[in-house]
Amino acid sequence: MTLAAALLTSCSGGQADGRAAPDKKITVWTQENLPARMAATRKVVGRFEKQTGITVNLVGVDEGQLPQLIMSAAAAGNLPDVIAALPLGQTWQMYSNGLLDTRLAGDIVEDLGTGTFNANALRLASDHGTPLAVPSDAWLQLLVYRKDLFEKAGLAAPDSYGALLEAARKLDRGHMAGISVASDPGDAFTQQSFESLALANDCQLVDDEGEVTLDSPACRRTFATYRSLARDHGAPGTQTLDTTRATYFAGRSPMLVWSSFLLDELTGLRADATPSCPECRKDPAYLSDHSGIVTGLKGPDGTRPAQFGEVTSWAVTKSAERDASRSFLRYMMGAGYEDWFGMAPEGKIPVREGTADDPDKYTRAWHHSRLGVEAKVRKPLDALYSDRLLDRIADGISGMRRWGITQGEGALVGATNGELPVPKALGEMVSGQTPPQEAAREADEEVTALKESLR
C-alpha cells in the first residue's frame, strides 16, 4: 500500500478531462527496475531532458505489482504518462480497459517508420493493424542443452518432442536429472515454459472462435509430455525460475528451458548467477562453450517448429501529455535506443530493426552490444557467441507465436498471467496429484471460467 501511494502521488497532475496538463513534465513507470538498469536508464533520460527541457520522473515498478498499481492509478485518475517494458498480456489488458492512447502510439510508430519494425512484433502488439503501444524489444524462450554430453551419447539436437524425450530418458542417470524445467504453480515462468512446448505441438489456448481449447488432443499430449519431462526426468521437488537455472549451472542437468536472459549468465561473467559445474571452476565459460541452443521446437501435432517469446513495449496512457510523451518515445526509439536495449541485450533484442536509411542499423548494433549492465566484464555479444547463433535468435522474433494474441484474446492472456490457472494445474500434475488428462481438463475449465468473468 505504501508503494502504491508513493507511485500514485508521483504521477502527473491532470486536467478536467483526465489529460495531463502540458507542463513539459512526464512520469514514466519502468519494469526495468533492477538498480543497475535504473541507473543506466537515468543516464539516457538525463540526456533527453538536457536536449529537450522536458522533465521525466522515472519510477521503477515490480512486474508482479504492476497490474494492481495500474488499476489503482486509473481509479484515482493518476496514471503515469508512459509505461516502459510492458509485456503483451498487460498491454492488451490496458487496451481492453480503455487505458491506452492508441492513436498516439500509432502516430509514433508511423513517425518512426512502420517498415522499420519487425512485422511480427508489430502485429502482436496491434489490434487489426492498430498499434496498441510502441513495440521496443523482445526476449525468446530457449532450450539450452549440453552439446558435449549429447555428442558423447550419440543424441541429436533436442528440436522435437521425440528427440527431447529420448535425451531426457537417456541422460537421466546418477546425479544427473534429464532436464531442468519449471513446475512452480505460483510463477508465470511455469506458464511460459509450458506454452513454449504447447505452441510447438499446436496446442492453443483458444481457437479462432475464441473457445478455450486446453482439453484438445494436442494439449493433452503436451500435458503428458510436460509431466514426463518434469516429474519422470526432472529434478525432485518444485522447480522455480532460480532452481532450474541453478541445476543446469551445477552440471546436474543436460537440458534447460529458460529465456534468452540466460545468455550473459551462461558466460560466467555475471556475479549474481555464476555457473558452478566442476569444469566451470577452472573455466567460467565452460558452459557457454559447451552448450547448444534450440530456438524452435516441433511436436507431433505441430506443422512447423514454433518459437515462444515476449515483446515488450512503450505504452502511452489515455491521460498522457501528448507532445512530451511523443518526444520522449521518439528519443528512446531513436537516439537513446541502442543504450536502452544495450543495458540487457541478451533479453532486449531490438524489434525496431533499423531506420529508413539504414534498415539493419539496430540489429547490427545489437550483435556488437556488450553484455548487460549486471555483468562483471561487459564483453560484446559477438565476442562470446557466433553471428550465426545471434542471427537465429534475432530471426526468432519473426517466428514468435503466442497463445490467444492472434485470436484477439489478449485480455484473456493478461488475466491468465495474473490468475495462473495453467501453472496451478501443472503443479498438481507434476506433484502426482492429478494425471495429465485431468490437468488439461482442469486448466480448460479454469480458463473458461476466467474468460466468462471478463465479459
Protein backbone atom coordinates (compact mmCIF):
# COMPACT_ATOMS: atom_id res chain seq x y z
CA MET A 1 0.00 0.00 0.00
CA THR A 2 2.87 2.34 0.79
CA LEU A 3 4.48 1.66 -2.60
CA ALA A 4 1.15 2.19 -4.37
CA ALA A 5 0.62 5.50 -2.59
CA ALA A 6 4.11 6.67 -3.49
CA LEU A 7 3.66 5.73 -7.13
CA LEU A 8 0.24 7.34 -7.38
CA THR A 9 1.44 10.63 -5.92
CA SER A 10 4.40 10.59 -8.32
CA CYS A 11 2.14 10.74 -11.38
CA SER A 12 1.49 13.88 -13.35
CA GLY A 13 -1.47 16.06 -12.48
CA GLY A 14 -4.38 16.10 -14.91
CA GLN A 15 -6.95 18.40 -16.48
CA ALA A 16 -10.70 18.01 -16.08
CA ASP A 17 -10.84 15.54 -18.96
CA GLY A 18 -8.09 13.38 -17.43
CA ARG A 19 -5.45 14.51 -19.91
CA ALA A 20 -2.19 15.60 -18.29
CA ALA A 21 -1.59 19.35 -18.30
CA PRO A 22 1.02 20.43 -20.91
CA ASP A 23 3.73 21.39 -18.42
CA LYS A 24 6.63 19.57 -20.14
CA LYS A 25 6.78 17.12 -17.24
CA ILE A 26 6.01 13.43 -17.65
CA THR A 27 6.03 10.41 -15.35
CA VAL A 28 7.39 7.16 -16.70
CA TRP A 29 6.98 3.82 -14.97
CA THR A 30 9.51 1.15 -15.95
CA GLN A 31 9.62 -2.55 -15.20
CA GLU A 32 13.37 -2.49 -15.81
CA ASN A 33 13.68 -1.78 -12.10
CA LEU A 34 16.92 -3.54 -11.16
CA PRO A 35 19.33 -0.96 -9.66
CA ALA A 36 21.92 -1.16 -12.44
CA ARG A 37 19.25 -0.88 -15.15
CA MET A 38 17.57 2.03 -13.41
CA ALA A 39 20.93 3.80 -13.30
CA ALA A 40 21.54 3.09 -16.99
CA THR A 41 18.05 4.33 -17.90
CA ARG A 42 18.52 7.52 -15.88
CA LYS A 43 21.63 8.33 -17.93
CA VAL A 44 19.67 8.07 -21.18
CA VAL A 45 16.76 10.02 -19.72
CA GLY A 46 19.15 12.70 -18.46
CA ARG A 47 20.43 13.30 -21.98
CA PHE A 48 16.85 13.58 -23.23
CA GLU A 49 15.98 16.11 -20.51
CA LYS A 50 19.03 18.21 -21.29
CA GLN A 51 18.27 18.19 -25.02
CA THR A 52 14.54 18.94 -24.79
CA GLY A 53 13.91 20.72 -21.50
CA ILE A 54 11.26 18.09 -20.67
CA THR A 55 11.39 16.72 -17.12
CA VAL A 56 10.98 12.96 -16.70
CA ASN A 57 10.02 11.41 -13.37
CA LEU A 58 11.32 7.84 -13.75
CA VAL A 59 9.76 5.30 -11.36
CA GLY A 60 10.74 1.63 -11.16
CA VAL A 61 7.86 -0.82 -10.61
CA ASP A 62 7.75 -4.55 -10.00
CA GLU A 63 6.15 -6.69 -12.70
CA GLY A 64 4.06 -8.62 -10.18
CA GLN A 65 2.62 -5.44 -8.66
CA LEU A 66 2.06 -3.55 -11.90
CA PRO A 67 -1.50 -4.74 -12.76
CA GLN A 68 -2.86 -3.63 -9.38
CA LEU A 69 -0.92 -0.37 -9.50
CA ILE A 70 -2.33 0.40 -12.94
CA MET A 71 -5.91 -0.18 -11.83
CA SER A 72 -5.38 1.86 -8.64
CA ALA A 73 -3.85 4.71 -10.61
CA ALA A 74 -6.66 4.59 -13.19
CA ALA A 75 -9.31 4.70 -10.46
CA ALA A 76 -7.58 7.68 -8.85
CA GLY A 77 -7.11 9.49 -12.18
CA ASN A 78 -3.34 9.41 -11.73
CA LEU A 79 -2.00 7.18 -14.48
CA PRO A 80 1.62 7.79 -15.50
CA ASP A 81 2.19 9.24 -18.95
CA VAL A 82 4.25 6.30 -20.22
CA ILE A 83 4.94 2.74 -19.09
CA ALA A 84 8.15 1.08 -20.26
CA ALA A 85 8.84 -2.63 -20.85
CA LEU A 86 5.14 -3.56 -20.80
CA PRO A 87 4.56 -7.25 -21.79
CA LEU A 88 1.94 -8.18 -24.37
CA GLY A 89 -0.61 -9.52 -21.88
CA GLN A 90 -0.56 -6.35 -19.79
CA THR A 91 -0.62 -4.20 -22.92
CA TRP A 92 -3.77 -5.94 -24.10
CA GLN A 93 -5.34 -5.72 -20.64
CA MET A 94 -4.78 -1.96 -20.53
CA TYR A 95 -6.18 -1.66 -24.04
CA SER A 96 -9.27 -3.69 -23.14
CA ASN A 97 -9.85 -1.42 -20.15
CA GLY A 98 -9.58 1.71 -22.30
CA LEU A 99 -6.40 2.95 -20.61
CA LEU A 100 -4.16 3.44 -23.66
CA ASP A 101 -3.77 6.27 -26.15
CA THR A 102 -3.53 4.01 -29.18
CA ARG A 103 -3.85 6.92 -31.58
CA LEU A 104 -0.65 8.50 -30.28
CA ALA A 105 1.13 5.13 -30.23
CA GLY A 106 0.14 4.63 -33.88
CA ASP A 107 1.33 8.12 -34.78
CA ILE A 108 4.72 7.43 -33.16
CA VAL A 109 5.11 4.13 -35.00
CA GLU A 110 4.25 5.89 -38.26
CA ASP A 111 6.68 8.72 -37.46
CA LEU A 112 9.47 6.22 -36.85
CA GLY A 113 8.51 4.23 -39.95
CA THR A 114 6.24 1.20 -39.78
CA GLY A 115 8.60 -0.67 -42.09
CA THR A 116 11.49 -0.25 -39.65
CA PHE A 117 9.82 -2.58 -37.14
CA ASN A 118 9.82 -6.36 -37.17
CA ALA A 119 6.45 -7.12 -38.77
CA ASN A 120 5.54 -9.96 -36.42
CA ALA A 121 6.37 -7.99 -33.28
CA LEU A 122 4.28 -5.09 -34.55
CA ARG A 123 1.42 -7.45 -35.39
CA LEU A 124 1.44 -8.99 -31.89
CA ALA A 125 1.25 -5.52 -30.33
CA SER A 126 -1.59 -4.38 -32.63
CA ASP A 127 -5.33 -4.91 -32.92
CA HIS A 128 -6.30 -5.40 -36.56
CA GLY A 129 -3.46 -3.16 -37.70
CA THR A 130 -3.83 -0.53 -34.96
CA PRO A 131 -0.73 -0.40 -32.73
CA LEU A 132 -1.70 -0.58 -29.06
CA ALA A 133 1.74 0.61 -27.94
CA VAL A 134 5.19 1.15 -29.43
CA PRO A 135 6.97 -2.25 -29.53
CA SER A 136 10.53 -1.93 -28.33
CA ASP A 137 12.33 -5.21 -27.71
CA ALA A 138 11.84 -8.92 -27.14
CA TRP A 139 13.21 -11.96 -25.39
CA LEU A 140 12.91 -15.55 -26.57
CA GLN A 141 12.36 -18.80 -24.70
CA LEU A 142 15.26 -21.13 -25.45
CA LEU A 143 16.03 -24.79 -24.97
CA VAL A 144 19.67 -24.92 -23.90
CA TYR A 145 21.48 -28.26 -23.92
CA ARG A 146 24.95 -29.70 -23.28
CA LYS A 147 26.44 -30.36 -26.71
CA ASP A 148 29.31 -32.36 -25.23
CA LEU A 149 27.00 -34.77 -23.38
CA PHE A 150 24.72 -35.12 -26.40
CA GLU A 151 27.62 -35.91 -28.71
CA LYS A 152 29.03 -38.45 -26.25
CA ALA A 153 25.65 -40.19 -26.02
CA GLY A 154 25.08 -40.06 -29.79
CA LEU A 155 21.97 -37.91 -29.43
CA ALA A 156 20.54 -35.47 -31.95
CA ALA A 157 19.77 -31.87 -31.00
CA PRO A 158 16.52 -31.78 -28.94
CA ASP A 159 14.47 -29.87 -31.51
CA SER A 160 11.41 -32.18 -31.46
CA TYR A 161 9.26 -33.88 -28.83
CA GLY A 162 10.77 -37.23 -29.77
CA ALA A 163 14.39 -36.08 -29.54
CA LEU A 164 13.64 -34.16 -26.33
CA LEU A 165 12.08 -37.15 -24.59
CA GLU A 166 14.77 -39.54 -25.81
CA ALA A 167 17.52 -37.28 -24.46
CA ALA A 168 15.73 -36.78 -21.12
CA ARG A 169 15.38 -40.57 -20.68
CA LYS A 170 18.89 -41.46 -21.79
CA LEU A 171 20.73 -38.77 -19.81
CA ASP A 172 18.65 -39.13 -16.63
CA ARG A 173 21.09 -41.11 -14.52
CA GLY A 174 23.12 -40.83 -11.33
CA HIS A 175 23.34 -37.26 -10.08
CA MET A 176 22.03 -36.01 -13.44
CA ALA A 177 18.36 -35.11 -13.96
CA GLY A 178 17.20 -35.50 -17.56
CA ILE A 179 16.01 -31.89 -17.91
CA SER A 180 15.57 -28.76 -15.84
CA VAL A 181 12.08 -27.35 -16.35
CA ALA A 182 9.75 -25.25 -14.17
CA SER A 183 6.86 -26.64 -12.11
CA ASP A 184 6.18 -23.80 -9.64
CA PRO A 185 2.36 -23.31 -9.61
CA GLY A 186 2.67 -19.69 -8.46
CA ASP A 187 5.02 -18.41 -11.15
CA ALA A 188 4.26 -17.13 -14.65
CA PHE A 189 7.61 -18.62 -15.68
CA THR A 190 5.99 -22.07 -15.45
CA GLN A 191 3.28 -20.99 -17.89
CA GLN A 192 5.90 -19.53 -20.25
CA SER A 193 7.85 -22.81 -20.18
CA PHE A 194 4.72 -24.84 -20.83
CA GLU A 195 3.48 -22.52 -23.55
CA SER A 196 6.75 -22.90 -25.44
CA LEU A 197 6.17 -26.68 -25.60
CA ALA A 198 2.44 -26.23 -26.26
CA LEU A 199 2.92 -23.97 -29.27
CA ALA A 200 5.39 -26.48 -30.71
CA ASN A 201 2.58 -29.06 -30.68
CA ASP A 202 -0.09 -26.63 -31.93
CA CYS A 203 -1.78 -26.71 -28.52
CA GLN A 204 -3.63 -23.40 -28.38
CA LEU A 205 -5.25 -21.51 -25.50
CA VAL A 206 -8.27 -20.69 -27.68
CA ASP A 207 -9.41 -21.41 -31.22
CA ASP A 208 -10.28 -18.84 -33.90
CA GLU A 209 -13.79 -18.51 -32.45
CA GLY A 210 -12.41 -17.74 -29.00
CA GLU A 211 -13.35 -21.07 -27.42
CA VAL A 212 -10.87 -22.39 -24.86
CA THR A 213 -9.10 -25.49 -26.23
CA LEU A 214 -6.75 -26.66 -23.48
CA ASP A 215 -8.55 -30.02 -23.35
CA SER A 216 -7.87 -30.74 -27.04
CA PRO A 217 -5.91 -33.88 -28.07
CA ALA A 218 -2.87 -31.74 -28.91
CA CYS A 219 -2.96 -30.10 -25.48
CA ARG A 220 -3.49 -33.38 -23.65
CA ARG A 221 -0.38 -34.71 -25.40
CA THR A 222 1.52 -31.59 -24.35
CA PHE A 223 0.45 -32.00 -20.71
CA ALA A 224 1.56 -35.65 -20.82
CA THR A 225 4.91 -34.71 -22.33
CA TYR A 226 5.46 -31.98 -19.74
CA ARG A 227 4.66 -34.42 -16.95
CA SER A 228 7.16 -36.93 -18.31
CA LEU A 229 9.86 -34.28 -18.52
CA ALA A 230 9.22 -32.52 -15.20
CA ARG A 231 8.17 -35.46 -13.00
CA ASP A 232 9.81 -38.54 -14.51
CA HIS A 233 13.07 -36.93 -15.65
CA GLY A 234 13.27 -33.59 -13.83
CA ALA A 235 14.91 -32.71 -10.53
CA PRO A 236 12.82 -33.64 -7.45
CA GLY A 237 10.62 -31.04 -5.77
CA THR A 238 9.04 -27.87 -7.08
CA GLN A 239 11.28 -26.29 -9.68
CA THR A 240 11.38 -22.50 -9.95
CA LEU A 241 12.92 -19.84 -12.13
CA ASP A 242 16.06 -19.91 -9.97
CA THR A 243 16.36 -23.63 -9.25
CA THR A 244 16.03 -24.67 -12.90
CA ARG A 245 18.95 -22.42 -13.81
CA ALA A 246 20.96 -23.49 -10.76
CA THR A 247 20.56 -27.18 -11.66
CA TYR A 248 21.87 -26.64 -15.19
CA PHE A 249 24.65 -24.36 -13.97
CA ALA A 250 25.76 -27.01 -11.47
CA GLY A 251 26.16 -29.54 -14.26
CA ARG A 252 23.33 -31.67 -12.87
CA SER A 253 21.08 -31.45 -15.93
CA PRO A 254 21.86 -31.70 -19.66
CA MET A 255 18.89 -29.52 -20.72
CA LEU A 256 17.24 -26.32 -19.55
CA VAL A 257 14.16 -24.36 -20.66
CA TRP A 258 14.89 -20.68 -19.96
CA SER A 259 14.72 -17.25 -21.55
CA SER A 260 17.43 -15.56 -23.58
CA PHE A 261 18.28 -13.55 -20.45
CA LEU A 262 20.40 -16.61 -19.67
CA LEU A 263 22.99 -15.71 -22.30
CA ASP A 264 25.01 -13.34 -20.13
CA GLU A 265 24.86 -15.58 -17.05
CA LEU A 266 25.93 -18.61 -19.09
CA THR A 267 29.28 -16.95 -19.86
CA GLY A 268 30.29 -16.79 -16.19
CA LEU A 269 30.64 -13.01 -16.40
CA ARG A 270 27.75 -12.10 -14.12
CA ALA A 271 28.46 -12.07 -10.38
CA ASP A 272 24.97 -12.90 -9.13
CA ALA A 273 24.41 -16.04 -11.23
CA THR A 274 27.61 -17.95 -11.91
CA PRO A 275 27.93 -21.47 -13.40
CA SER A 276 29.17 -23.88 -10.73
CA CYS A 277 29.76 -27.10 -12.66
CA PRO A 278 33.01 -28.97 -11.81
CA GLU A 279 34.59 -27.87 -15.10
CA CYS A 280 33.46 -24.28 -14.51
CA ARG A 281 35.83 -23.85 -11.57
CA LYS A 282 38.79 -23.72 -13.91
CA ASP A 283 36.93 -22.35 -16.93
CA PRO A 284 33.99 -19.99 -16.10
CA ALA A 285 32.95 -20.02 -19.79
CA TYR A 286 32.79 -23.81 -19.94
CA LEU A 287 29.01 -23.97 -20.15
CA SER A 288 28.66 -21.27 -22.80
CA ASP A 289 31.33 -23.04 -24.87
CA HIS A 290 29.69 -26.45 -24.50
CA SER A 291 26.01 -25.52 -24.77
CA GLY A 292 23.82 -25.70 -27.83
CA ILE A 293 20.65 -23.65 -28.25
CA VAL A 294 17.34 -24.66 -29.85
CA THR A 295 15.18 -21.70 -30.88
CA GLY A 296 12.31 -23.65 -32.45
CA LEU A 297 10.74 -26.91 -31.24
CA LYS A 298 8.25 -29.16 -33.08
CA GLY A 299 5.72 -31.55 -31.58
CA PRO A 300 3.97 -34.49 -33.30
CA ASP A 301 0.75 -32.48 -33.73
CA GLY A 302 2.55 -29.34 -34.93
CA THR A 303 3.02 -28.48 -38.58
CA ARG A 304 6.24 -26.48 -38.11
CA PRO A 305 8.72 -25.52 -35.38
CA ALA A 306 7.40 -22.84 -33.03
CA GLN A 307 9.12 -20.12 -31.05
CA PHE A 308 7.73 -18.64 -27.84
CA GLY A 309 8.84 -15.24 -26.61
CA GLU A 310 7.75 -11.90 -25.24
CA VAL A 311 7.51 -8.48 -26.88
CA THR A 312 7.71 -5.52 -24.50
CA SER A 313 6.51 -2.08 -25.48
CA TRP A 314 6.36 1.58 -24.57
CA ALA A 315 2.72 2.22 -23.67
CA VAL A 316 1.20 5.71 -23.74
CA THR A 317 -1.72 6.09 -21.33
CA LYS A 318 -5.00 7.78 -22.12
CA SER A 319 -4.16 10.76 -19.88
CA ALA A 320 -0.60 11.32 -21.10
CA GLU A 321 0.79 14.70 -22.04
CA ARG A 322 0.92 14.03 -25.74
CA ASP A 323 3.66 16.29 -27.08
CA ALA A 324 6.14 15.50 -24.31
CA SER A 325 5.37 11.77 -24.46
CA ARG A 326 5.77 11.76 -28.24
CA SER A 327 9.17 13.50 -27.96
CA PHE A 328 10.28 11.07 -25.26
CA LEU A 329 9.36 7.91 -27.17
CA ARG A 330 10.84 9.17 -30.42
CA TYR A 331 14.08 9.73 -28.50
CA MET A 332 14.03 6.36 -26.70
CA MET A 333 13.37 4.58 -30.01
CA GLY A 334 15.95 6.68 -31.84
CA ALA A 335 18.92 8.46 -30.29
CA GLY A 336 18.57 6.56 -27.00
CA TYR A 337 17.55 3.20 -28.43
CA GLU A 338 20.94 1.49 -28.52
CA ASP A 339 21.58 2.41 -24.88
CA TRP A 340 18.10 1.19 -23.92
CA PHE A 341 18.40 -2.31 -25.38
CA GLY A 342 22.15 -2.31 -24.74
CA MET A 343 21.71 -2.37 -20.96
CA ALA A 344 20.49 -6.00 -21.22
CA PRO A 345 20.91 -7.09 -24.87
CA GLU A 346 20.59 -10.79 -24.05
CA GLY A 347 16.93 -10.19 -23.17
CA LYS A 348 16.22 -6.96 -25.05
CA ILE A 349 16.50 -7.91 -28.70
CA PRO A 350 15.51 -4.82 -30.71
CA VAL A 351 12.27 -5.14 -32.66
CA ARG A 352 12.87 -1.85 -34.43
CA GLU A 353 15.46 -3.29 -36.76
CA GLY A 354 16.80 -0.07 -38.24
CA THR A 355 15.85 3.18 -39.91
CA ALA A 356 14.56 4.01 -43.37
CA ASP A 357 18.10 4.95 -44.42
CA ASP A 358 19.80 2.02 -42.63
CA PRO A 359 17.32 -0.89 -42.33
CA ASP A 360 19.65 -3.13 -40.26
CA LYS A 361 21.16 -0.42 -38.04
CA TYR A 362 19.82 -1.61 -34.69
CA THR A 363 20.04 -5.35 -35.37
CA ARG A 364 23.68 -4.81 -36.34
CA ALA A 365 24.30 -2.74 -33.22
CA TRP A 366 22.69 -5.47 -31.10
CA HIS A 367 25.23 -8.01 -32.36
CA HIS A 368 28.00 -5.73 -31.09
CA SER A 369 26.28 -4.76 -27.83
CA ARG A 370 28.17 -5.53 -24.69
CA LEU A 371 26.70 -7.85 -22.07
CA GLY A 372 24.15 -6.29 -19.76
CA VAL A 373 24.96 -3.81 -17.04
CA GLU A 374 24.95 -6.51 -14.35
CA ALA A 375 27.94 -8.28 -15.92
CA LYS A 376 31.35 -8.06 -14.23
CA VAL A 377 33.03 -7.72 -17.63
CA ARG A 378 30.85 -6.36 -20.42
CA LYS A 379 32.17 -8.16 -23.47
CA PRO A 380 30.35 -7.77 -26.83
CA LEU A 381 27.77 -10.44 -27.63
CA ASP A 382 29.51 -11.34 -30.88
CA ALA A 383 32.77 -11.90 -29.00
CA LEU A 384 31.05 -14.62 -26.95
CA TYR A 385 28.53 -16.11 -29.38
CA SER A 386 28.70 -16.73 -33.11
CA ASP A 387 26.97 -14.39 -35.52
CA ARG A 388 25.09 -17.42 -36.83
CA LEU A 389 23.55 -18.06 -33.41
CA LEU A 390 22.80 -14.39 -32.85
CA ASP A 391 21.12 -14.25 -36.26
CA ARG A 392 18.97 -17.26 -35.34
CA ILE A 393 17.94 -15.61 -32.08
CA ALA A 394 17.09 -12.30 -33.75
CA ASP A 395 15.26 -14.10 -36.56
CA GLY A 396 13.26 -15.97 -33.92
CA ILE A 397 11.17 -12.83 -33.37
CA SER A 398 9.69 -13.26 -36.84
CA GLY A 399 8.56 -16.78 -35.98
CA MET A 400 7.36 -15.95 -32.47
CA ARG A 401 3.87 -17.20 -31.65
CA ARG A 402 1.73 -16.55 -28.60
CA TRP A 403 -1.38 -18.02 -27.06
CA GLY A 404 -4.53 -16.01 -27.67
CA ILE A 405 -2.99 -12.86 -29.13
CA THR A 406 -3.64 -13.59 -32.80
CA GLN A 407 -7.12 -14.85 -31.93
CA GLY A 408 -7.99 -11.48 -30.38
CA GLU A 409 -7.97 -12.75 -26.79
CA GLY A 410 -5.13 -10.60 -25.47
CA ALA A 411 -7.14 -9.58 -22.41
CA LEU A 412 -7.59 -13.25 -21.50
CA VAL A 413 -3.85 -13.79 -21.86
CA GLY A 414 -3.22 -10.96 -19.43
CA ALA A 415 -5.76 -12.40 -17.00
CA THR A 416 -4.22 -15.88 -17.11
CA ASN A 417 -0.82 -14.35 -16.33
CA GLY A 418 -2.36 -12.92 -13.18
CA GLU A 419 -4.51 -15.86 -12.03
CA LEU A 420 -2.12 -18.60 -13.29
CA PRO A 421 -4.69 -21.39 -13.83
CA VAL A 422 -2.34 -23.34 -16.12
CA PRO A 423 0.66 -23.37 -13.73
CA LYS A 424 -1.67 -24.45 -10.91
CA ALA A 425 -2.86 -27.41 -12.98
CA LEU A 426 0.73 -28.21 -13.94
CA GLY A 427 1.86 -28.07 -10.32
CA GLU A 428 -0.78 -30.61 -9.28
CA MET A 429 0.13 -32.84 -12.22
CA VAL A 430 3.89 -32.77 -11.65
CA SER A 431 3.45 -33.43 -7.92
CA GLY A 432 1.43 -36.54 -8.77
CA GLN A 433 -1.96 -35.30 -7.55
CA THR A 434 -3.62 -35.47 -10.99
CA PRO A 435 -2.93 -37.32 -14.26
CA PRO A 436 -2.20 -35.33 -17.45
CA GLN A 437 -5.72 -35.61 -18.93
CA GLU A 438 -7.26 -34.37 -15.67
CA ALA A 439 -4.77 -31.47 -15.56
CA ALA A 440 -5.71 -30.49 -19.12
CA ARG A 441 -9.43 -30.62 -18.28
CA GLU A 442 -8.92 -28.63 -15.07
CA ALA A 443 -6.90 -25.94 -16.86
CA ASP A 444 -9.54 -25.76 -19.61
CA GLU A 445 -12.35 -25.27 -17.08
CA GLU A 446 -10.48 -22.65 -15.08
CA VAL A 447 -9.54 -20.61 -18.16
CA THR A 448 -13.10 -20.88 -19.48
CA ALA A 449 -14.44 -19.53 -16.18
CA LEU A 450 -11.86 -16.74 -16.27
CA LYS A 451 -12.91 -15.86 -19.82
CA GLU A 452 -16.56 -15.67 -18.74
CA SER A 453 -15.64 -13.31 -15.91
CA LEU A 454 -14.10 -10.86 -18.39
CA ARG A 455 -17.38 -10.33 -20.28
